[in-house]
Amino acid sequence: MFSLDQRLSLCASFVREGVSVADIGTDHGYLPIWLLLNKKIKCAVASDVRSGPLCRARVNTERYGLNGKLKLVLSDGLDKISADEADDTVMAGMGGELMIKIIDRTSWLRDPDKNLILQPMTRAESLREYLCGSGFRIKEEKACISFGKTYSVMLVSYDGIIRQCPMKFKYIGTLDSDSSDEAKRYIYVVNEKLKKKLMGYEKGTEEYNAAEKLISELTEIIDREE
């Protein structure tokens, strides 16, 4: 048996009991293997766009005796995975813009009974904005620190409601209501990136004023005493 790091552990915590799972960009297959070994899910399909990671996942699948419970598929995103193979879909360790492309072309994800667990490595703000404007709801979001880096994981489902995406929500989602050290660290990292971005704007412009306001709001959250 093995343990997941904090990033994958947080993803695993959002997976529902007894469901079928798709793990997109699976690499070594650790997440679905861990979920199956701990009997949290009934079955899983793991995909990757490259054959190398799938070979590693196949070795691990056989090592832990999970042939028949973990299906491995060479696929670009969810292109070769059907709706009945995944109640919960995990996308972890890829960029937010790639996630947008995968979600946008997979029509069966627009089902309120389906859950998405999303851990973007980059462009999380673009992903949140897309979700709000495409009828998806971020039901919950948590942050974690793994190997010194900070990540956010979103639990998402479709309800068909098109939402506004205020600038603060675009950058930190629901983490402003989370008092954990991990959430504050995530907000701090986002704020530092915004400060660098601010230097590229001309003072007094709409972009400058909006960024300056957001930096002030995030600083208040970071400094807030609980």
Protein backbone atom coordinates (compact mmCIF):
# COMPACT_ATOMS: atom_id res chain seq x y z
CA MET A 1 0.00 0.00 0.00
CA PHE A 2 1.15 3.57 -0.58
CA SER A 3 0.13 7.09 0.38
CA LEU A 4 -0.88 9.96 -1.90
CA ASP A 5 0.75 13.36 -1.59
CA GLN A 6 -1.33 16.26 -0.28
CA ARG A 7 -2.37 17.37 -3.77
CA LEU A 8 -3.76 14.01 -4.85
CA SER A 9 -5.14 13.35 -1.36
CA LEU A 10 -7.23 16.49 -1.63
CA CYS A 11 -8.49 15.38 -5.05
CA ALA A 12 -9.34 11.95 -3.62
CA SER A 13 -11.28 13.53 -0.74
CA PHE A 14 -13.74 15.07 -3.21
CA VAL A 15 -14.52 11.74 -4.92
CA ARG A 16 -17.87 10.29 -3.88
CA GLU A 17 -18.21 6.85 -2.30
CA GLY A 18 -19.14 3.95 -4.57
CA VAL A 19 -18.92 5.78 -7.90
CA SER A 20 -17.09 5.13 -11.15
CA VAL A 21 -14.16 7.47 -11.75
CA ALA A 22 -12.26 8.79 -14.76
CA ASP A 23 -8.74 10.05 -14.09
CA ILE A 24 -7.58 12.21 -16.98
CA GLY A 25 -3.83 12.60 -17.47
CA THR A 26 -3.29 9.73 -15.06
CA ASP A 27 0.53 9.44 -15.25
CA HIS A 28 1.36 6.48 -12.95
CA GLY A 29 -2.28 5.73 -12.15
CA TYR A 30 -1.73 6.39 -8.45
CA LEU A 31 -5.03 8.19 -7.78
CA PRO A 32 -7.45 5.58 -9.18
CA ILE A 33 -5.32 2.75 -7.78
CA TRP A 34 -5.43 4.30 -4.30
CA LEU A 35 -9.19 4.84 -4.53
CA LEU A 36 -9.73 1.22 -5.58
CA LEU A 37 -7.41 -0.26 -2.96
CA ASN A 38 -9.23 1.73 -0.27
CA LYS A 39 -12.57 0.50 -1.66
CA LYS A 40 -13.88 4.05 -2.03
CA ILE A 41 -14.99 3.50 -5.65
CA LYS A 42 -16.37 0.58 -7.63
CA CYS A 43 -14.31 0.97 -10.80
CA ALA A 44 -12.17 3.46 -12.71
CA VAL A 45 -10.89 4.37 -16.14
CA ALA A 46 -7.55 6.16 -16.47
CA SER A 47 -6.50 7.99 -19.61
CA ASP A 48 -3.47 9.78 -20.92
CA VAL A 49 -2.62 11.27 -24.28
CA ARG A 50 0.82 9.61 -24.15
CA SER A 51 1.63 5.90 -24.17
CA GLY A 52 4.53 6.20 -21.68
CA PRO A 53 2.42 7.16 -18.65
CA LEU A 54 -0.13 4.49 -19.54
CA CYS A 55 2.62 1.86 -19.56
CA ARG A 56 3.64 2.95 -16.06
CA ALA A 57 0.00 2.88 -14.97
CA ARG A 58 -0.38 -0.62 -16.43
CA VAL A 59 2.62 -1.88 -14.45
CA ASN A 60 1.11 -0.47 -11.24
CA THR A 61 -2.35 -1.85 -12.07
CA GLU A 62 -0.92 -5.35 -12.38
CA ARG A 63 1.29 -4.89 -9.32
CA TYR A 64 -1.74 -4.18 -7.12
CA GLY A 65 -3.97 -6.82 -8.72
CA LEU A 66 -6.50 -4.40 -10.17
CA ASN A 67 -6.88 -5.81 -13.68
CA GLY A 68 -10.60 -5.69 -14.49
CA LYS A 69 -11.26 -2.80 -12.13
CA LEU A 70 -9.01 -0.17 -13.69
CA LYS A 71 -9.36 0.34 -17.43
CA LEU A 72 -6.50 2.15 -19.21
CA VAL A 73 -7.24 4.19 -22.32
CA LEU A 74 -5.00 6.11 -24.70
CA SER A 75 -7.14 9.20 -25.16
CA ASP A 76 -6.97 12.94 -25.66
CA GLY A 77 -8.91 14.02 -22.59
CA LEU A 78 -12.31 12.33 -22.41
CA ASP A 79 -12.61 11.72 -26.15
CA LYS A 80 -12.58 7.92 -25.79
CA ILE A 81 -14.43 7.70 -22.46
CA SER A 82 -18.21 7.36 -22.34
CA ALA A 83 -20.64 8.91 -19.89
CA ASP A 84 -21.45 5.59 -18.21
CA GLU A 85 -17.78 5.06 -17.35
CA ALA A 86 -17.46 8.13 -15.10
CA ASP A 87 -19.69 9.54 -12.38
CA ASP A 88 -16.77 11.60 -11.08
CA THR A 89 -14.04 12.90 -13.39
CA VAL A 90 -10.68 14.02 -12.03
CA MET A 91 -8.34 16.31 -13.94
CA ALA A 92 -5.22 17.04 -11.93
CA GLY A 93 -1.81 18.35 -12.88
CA MET A 94 -2.67 20.01 -16.19
CA GLY A 95 -3.19 23.63 -17.17
CA GLY A 96 -6.52 25.37 -16.73
CA GLU A 97 -6.80 26.20 -20.43
CA LEU A 98 -6.40 22.53 -21.38
CA MET A 99 -9.13 21.63 -18.87
CA ILE A 100 -11.41 24.20 -20.53
CA LYS A 101 -10.87 22.56 -23.94
CA ILE A 102 -11.59 19.08 -22.58
CA ILE A 103 -14.73 20.14 -20.69
CA ASP A 104 -16.04 22.25 -23.56
CA ARG A 105 -16.00 19.39 -26.06
CA THR A 106 -17.41 16.73 -23.70
CA SER A 107 -21.16 17.23 -23.83
CA TRP A 108 -22.02 14.50 -21.32
CA LEU A 109 -20.35 16.47 -18.51
CA ARG A 110 -23.38 18.79 -18.70
CA ASP A 111 -25.28 16.51 -16.36
CA PRO A 112 -26.09 17.57 -12.77
CA ASP A 113 -25.35 14.03 -11.56
CA LYS A 114 -21.74 14.21 -12.77
CA ASN A 115 -18.97 15.74 -10.66
CA LEU A 116 -15.70 17.26 -11.81
CA ILE A 117 -12.66 17.46 -9.53
CA LEU A 118 -10.26 19.99 -11.01
CA GLN A 119 -6.71 20.82 -9.92
CA PRO A 120 -5.22 23.29 -12.41
CA MET A 121 -1.48 23.88 -12.45
CA THR A 122 -1.83 27.17 -14.34
CA ARG A 123 -4.54 29.66 -15.39
CA ALA A 124 -6.93 28.76 -12.58
CA GLU A 125 -8.50 32.20 -13.04
CA SER A 126 -9.37 31.41 -16.67
CA LEU A 127 -10.88 28.09 -15.61
CA ARG A 128 -13.11 29.68 -12.95
CA GLU A 129 -14.28 32.31 -15.43
CA TYR A 130 -15.11 29.64 -18.01
CA LEU A 131 -17.02 27.52 -15.48
CA CYS A 132 -19.13 30.48 -14.34
CA GLY A 133 -19.97 31.44 -17.91
CA SER A 134 -20.75 27.90 -19.05
CA GLY A 135 -23.32 26.74 -16.51
CA PHE A 136 -20.97 24.98 -14.10
CA ARG A 137 -21.01 25.64 -10.36
CA ILE A 138 -17.94 25.47 -8.12
CA LYS A 139 -19.56 23.75 -5.16
CA GLU A 140 -16.44 23.70 -3.01
CA GLU A 141 -12.80 24.66 -3.27
CA LYS A 142 -9.89 23.86 -0.98
CA ALA A 143 -6.18 24.56 -1.03
CA CYS A 144 -3.23 22.40 -0.06
CA ILE A 145 0.55 22.57 0.11
CA SER A 146 2.50 19.72 -1.45
CA PHE A 147 6.30 19.60 -1.71
CA GLY A 148 6.43 23.31 -0.92
CA LYS A 149 3.99 24.38 -3.64
CA THR A 150 0.43 25.58 -3.18
CA TYR A 151 -2.51 24.17 -5.12
CA SER A 152 -6.26 24.60 -5.29
CA VAL A 153 -8.77 21.82 -5.98
CA MET A 154 -12.33 22.57 -7.14
CA LEU A 155 -15.42 20.38 -6.84
CA VAL A 156 -17.66 21.27 -9.79
CA SER A 157 -20.97 20.20 -11.28
CA TYR A 158 -23.29 21.46 -14.01
CA ASP A 159 -26.57 23.21 -13.20
CA GLY A 160 -27.03 25.27 -16.37
CA ILE A 161 -26.97 28.61 -14.57
CA ILE A 162 -24.77 31.27 -16.19
CA ARG A 163 -23.06 33.25 -13.44
CA GLN A 164 -21.17 36.49 -13.21
CA CYS A 165 -17.53 36.01 -12.29
CA PRO A 166 -16.33 38.93 -10.15
CA MET A 167 -12.60 39.56 -10.26
CA LYS A 168 -12.03 38.28 -6.72
CA PHE A 169 -13.89 35.03 -7.46
CA LYS A 170 -11.96 34.67 -10.71
CA TYR A 171 -8.67 34.62 -8.81
CA ILE A 172 -9.47 32.80 -5.55
CA GLY A 173 -12.87 31.17 -6.01
CA THR A 174 -14.53 30.30 -2.70
CA LEU A 175 -11.26 30.37 -0.75
CA ASP A 176 -12.04 33.80 0.76
CA SER A 177 -14.35 32.01 3.23
CA ASP A 178 -11.70 29.43 4.16
CA SER A 179 -9.64 30.31 7.22
CA SER A 180 -7.12 27.46 6.82
CA ASP A 181 -3.40 28.17 6.54
CA GLU A 182 -3.39 26.48 3.14
CA ALA A 183 -6.09 28.80 1.78
CA LYS A 184 -4.31 31.88 3.10
CA ARG A 185 -1.08 30.68 1.55
CA TYR A 186 -2.80 30.18 -1.81
CA ILE A 187 -4.30 33.69 -1.64
CA TYR A 188 -0.90 35.10 -0.68
CA VAL A 189 0.74 33.48 -3.72
CA VAL A 190 -1.99 34.81 -6.02
CA ASN A 191 -1.62 38.27 -4.51
CA GLU A 192 2.13 38.33 -5.06
CA LYS A 193 1.62 37.43 -8.72
CA LEU A 194 -0.94 40.21 -9.05
CA LYS A 195 1.50 42.73 -7.58
CA LYS A 196 4.02 41.83 -10.28
CA LYS A 197 1.30 42.08 -12.92
CA LEU A 198 0.29 45.51 -11.62
CA MET A 199 3.73 46.88 -12.47
CA GLY A 200 3.02 46.19 -16.15
CA TYR A 201 -0.10 48.34 -16.21
CA GLU A 202 -0.15 52.06 -16.80
CA LYS A 203 -1.17 53.88 -13.64
CA GLY A 204 -4.73 55.16 -13.66
CA THR A 205 -5.98 52.80 -16.38
CA GLU A 206 -9.00 50.55 -15.84
CA GLU A 207 -6.75 47.47 -15.63
CA TYR A 208 -4.48 49.14 -13.08
CA ASN A 209 -7.35 50.29 -10.88
CA ALA A 210 -9.07 46.89 -10.95
CA ALA A 211 -5.85 45.04 -10.07
CA GLU A 212 -5.01 47.52 -7.31
CA LYS A 213 -8.49 47.08 -5.78
CA LEU A 214 -8.21 43.30 -5.88
CA ILE A 215 -4.75 43.36 -4.28
CA SER A 216 -6.19 45.45 -1.44
CA GLU A 217 -9.08 42.98 -0.97
CA LEU A 218 -6.78 39.96 -0.95
CA THR A 219 -4.38 41.63 1.48
CA GLU A 220 -7.30 42.14 3.88
CA ILE A 221 -8.17 38.44 3.67
CA ILE A 222 -4.56 37.42 4.29
CA ASP A 223 -4.25 39.73 7.30
CA ARG A 224 -7.67 38.84 8.73
CA GLU A 225 -7.58 37.52 12.27
CA GLU A 226 -9.74 34.46 12.89
